[in-house]
Amino acid sequence: MTLYYKDFSGGPNANTIEIPGPSSFPLNFSRFGAMFVSDDPITEGIEEGSAPIARGRGFYVITDLDRTHGLWLASVVFINGKYKGSTLELQGSYSTFEGVSEVAVVGGTGKFRLARGYVTYETLSFDPATGYAVFQSNMTVLHY
């Protein structure tokens, strides 16, 4: 399954903010201990205006002293389509500045009960002026 996260870290419609509470733009993704929470729309297509099928709800913490990796914990909450009402639970070390990162699928609900697998993430685009980024995720999931 290939899905696309639409992430806004700036402006009035930001869906990723730094904890504790919104900070002034730009967010500092390279400070040890920085924490972020997100509620990204996830779409089947990369096109702007592609209908959301899920939400990526989770948090990210910069957890290494060289400030290039963090801990990513997230739920992919399906809101439309054949998986509506189901979730996938993701966890792992995420590279902030490398091309592709991989995290584990550690569980799920609904149609994804007892899920396991992995997800790769790749940044397709990032506009520093607006804080808008598009991430592609490729999921390989085994479930019952």
Protein backbone atom coordinates (compact mmCIF):
# COMPACT_ATOMS: atom_id res chain seq x y z
CA MET A 1 0.00 0.00 0.00
CA THR A 2 1.42 3.39 -0.95
CA LEU A 3 0.07 6.43 0.88
CA TYR A 4 0.98 10.12 0.95
CA TYR A 5 1.23 12.28 4.09
CA LYS A 6 0.45 15.99 3.61
CA ASP A 7 2.29 17.83 6.38
CA PHE A 8 1.96 21.56 7.23
CA SER A 9 4.41 22.79 9.87
CA GLY A 10 3.65 26.48 9.38
CA GLY A 11 0.82 28.92 8.96
CA PRO A 12 -2.72 28.99 10.37
CA ASN A 13 -3.55 25.44 9.19
CA ALA A 14 -0.48 23.72 10.68
CA ASN A 15 -1.03 20.03 11.39
CA THR A 16 2.42 19.52 12.92
CA ILE A 17 3.44 21.58 15.93
CA GLU A 18 6.30 21.61 18.38
CA ILE A 19 5.51 20.55 21.96
CA PRO A 20 4.82 22.38 24.29
CA GLY A 21 2.37 24.22 22.10
CA PRO A 22 2.78 26.06 18.84
CA SER A 23 6.11 27.81 18.38
CA SER A 24 7.02 30.46 15.88
CA PHE A 25 7.86 29.20 12.41
CA PRO A 26 10.11 27.55 11.40
CA LEU A 27 10.06 24.53 13.67
CA ASN A 28 13.47 23.30 14.81
CA PHE A 29 13.74 19.68 13.63
CA SER A 30 17.44 19.53 14.56
CA ARG A 31 17.39 20.28 18.31
CA PHE A 32 18.04 17.35 20.66
CA GLY A 33 14.92 16.74 22.74
CA ALA A 34 12.58 18.64 20.44
CA MET A 35 9.14 17.03 20.34
CA PHE A 36 6.44 17.35 17.70
CA VAL A 37 2.87 16.15 17.39
CA SER A 38 1.07 15.74 14.07
CA ASP A 39 -2.33 14.99 12.57
CA ASP A 40 -1.52 14.71 8.86
CA PRO A 41 -4.08 13.97 6.17
CA ILE A 42 -3.07 10.81 4.27
CA THR A 43 -4.19 10.38 0.66
CA GLU A 44 -3.97 7.65 -1.97
CA GLY A 45 -2.66 10.11 -4.54
CA ILE A 46 0.10 12.69 -4.53
CA GLU A 47 -2.03 15.31 -6.28
CA GLU A 48 -3.16 18.35 -4.34
CA GLY A 49 -6.83 17.86 -3.54
CA SER A 50 -6.58 14.07 -3.50
CA ALA A 51 -9.24 12.77 -1.09
CA PRO A 52 -8.00 11.78 2.38
CA ILE A 53 -8.34 8.09 3.27
CA ALA A 54 -6.61 8.25 6.65
CA ARG A 55 -4.98 10.51 9.22
CA GLY A 56 -1.40 10.13 10.47
CA ARG A 57 -1.68 10.90 14.18
CA GLY A 58 1.41 10.65 16.33
CA PHE A 59 4.52 12.23 17.72
CA TYR A 60 8.19 12.52 16.92
CA VAL A 61 11.05 13.21 19.34
CA ILE A 62 14.66 14.03 18.38
CA THR A 63 16.37 11.33 20.46
CA ASP A 64 20.03 11.29 19.49
CA LEU A 65 22.78 13.73 20.37
CA ASP A 66 23.82 14.26 16.74
CA ARG A 67 20.21 15.40 16.11
CA THR A 68 19.67 13.40 12.92
CA HIS A 69 17.32 10.67 14.22
CA GLY A 70 14.20 10.56 16.27
CA LEU A 71 11.60 8.23 17.68
CA TRP A 72 8.41 8.10 15.59
CA LEU A 73 5.20 6.73 17.16
CA ALA A 74 2.05 7.01 15.08
CA SER A 75 -1.38 5.66 14.34
CA VAL A 76 -2.63 5.52 10.76
CA VAL A 77 -6.36 6.00 11.35
CA PHE A 78 -8.40 5.06 8.28
CA ILE A 79 -11.37 7.41 7.83
CA ASN A 80 -12.60 6.44 4.34
CA GLY A 81 -12.52 3.50 1.95
CA LYS A 82 -12.44 -0.24 2.58
CA TYR A 83 -10.30 0.11 5.75
CA LYS A 84 -12.51 2.79 7.39
CA GLY A 85 -12.50 2.36 11.18
CA SER A 86 -9.24 0.35 11.21
CA THR A 87 -5.81 1.51 12.39
CA LEU A 88 -2.16 0.61 11.92
CA GLU A 89 0.27 1.32 14.75
CA LEU A 90 3.82 2.39 13.78
CA GLN A 91 6.99 2.77 15.81
CA GLY A 92 10.68 3.18 15.15
CA SER A 93 13.80 5.25 14.71
CA TYR A 94 13.31 7.79 11.93
CA SER A 95 16.07 9.61 10.09
CA THR A 96 15.28 13.27 9.74
CA PHE A 97 17.71 14.08 6.94
CA GLU A 98 18.27 10.81 5.04
CA GLY A 99 16.39 9.98 1.86
CA VAL A 100 14.43 6.96 3.11
CA SER A 101 13.58 5.79 6.63
CA GLU A 102 11.96 2.59 7.83
CA VAL A 103 9.77 1.98 10.89
CA ALA A 104 7.94 -1.10 12.15
CA VAL A 105 4.25 -1.89 12.03
CA VAL A 106 3.72 -3.10 15.60
CA GLY A 107 -0.02 -3.69 15.59
CA GLY A 108 -3.41 -2.66 14.37
CA THR A 109 -7.15 -2.74 14.90
CA GLY A 110 -10.20 -3.66 12.84
CA LYS A 111 -9.14 -5.19 9.53
CA PHE A 112 -5.51 -4.93 10.69
CA ARG A 113 -5.77 -6.95 13.92
CA LEU A 114 -2.46 -8.57 14.83
CA ALA A 115 -0.71 -6.57 12.10
CA ARG A 116 3.05 -6.62 11.70
CA GLY A 117 5.34 -5.39 8.98
CA TYR A 118 7.29 -2.33 8.00
CA VAL A 119 6.83 1.09 6.43
CA THR A 120 9.34 3.13 4.45
CA TYR A 121 9.09 6.92 4.32
CA GLU A 122 10.58 9.21 1.70
CA THR A 123 10.32 12.99 1.52
CA LEU A 124 9.07 13.84 -1.97
CA SER A 125 8.93 17.59 -1.53
CA PHE A 126 9.45 20.29 1.06
CA ASP A 127 8.81 24.02 0.76
CA PRO A 128 10.70 25.84 3.55
CA ALA A 129 8.80 29.08 2.88
CA THR A 130 5.41 27.51 3.72
CA GLY A 131 6.47 24.49 5.79
CA TYR A 132 4.56 22.17 3.43
CA ALA A 133 6.00 18.70 2.87
CA VAL A 134 4.77 15.56 1.10
CA PHE A 135 5.97 12.18 2.35
CA GLN A 136 5.46 8.91 0.51
CA SER A 137 5.03 5.80 2.61
CA ASN A 138 5.21 2.26 1.28
CA MET A 139 3.65 -0.25 3.66
CA THR A 140 4.14 -3.98 3.78
CA VAL A 141 1.64 -5.38 6.27
CA LEU A 142 0.74 -8.92 7.36
CA HIS A 143 -2.52 -9.27 9.30
CA TYR A 144 -5.38 -11.66 10.06
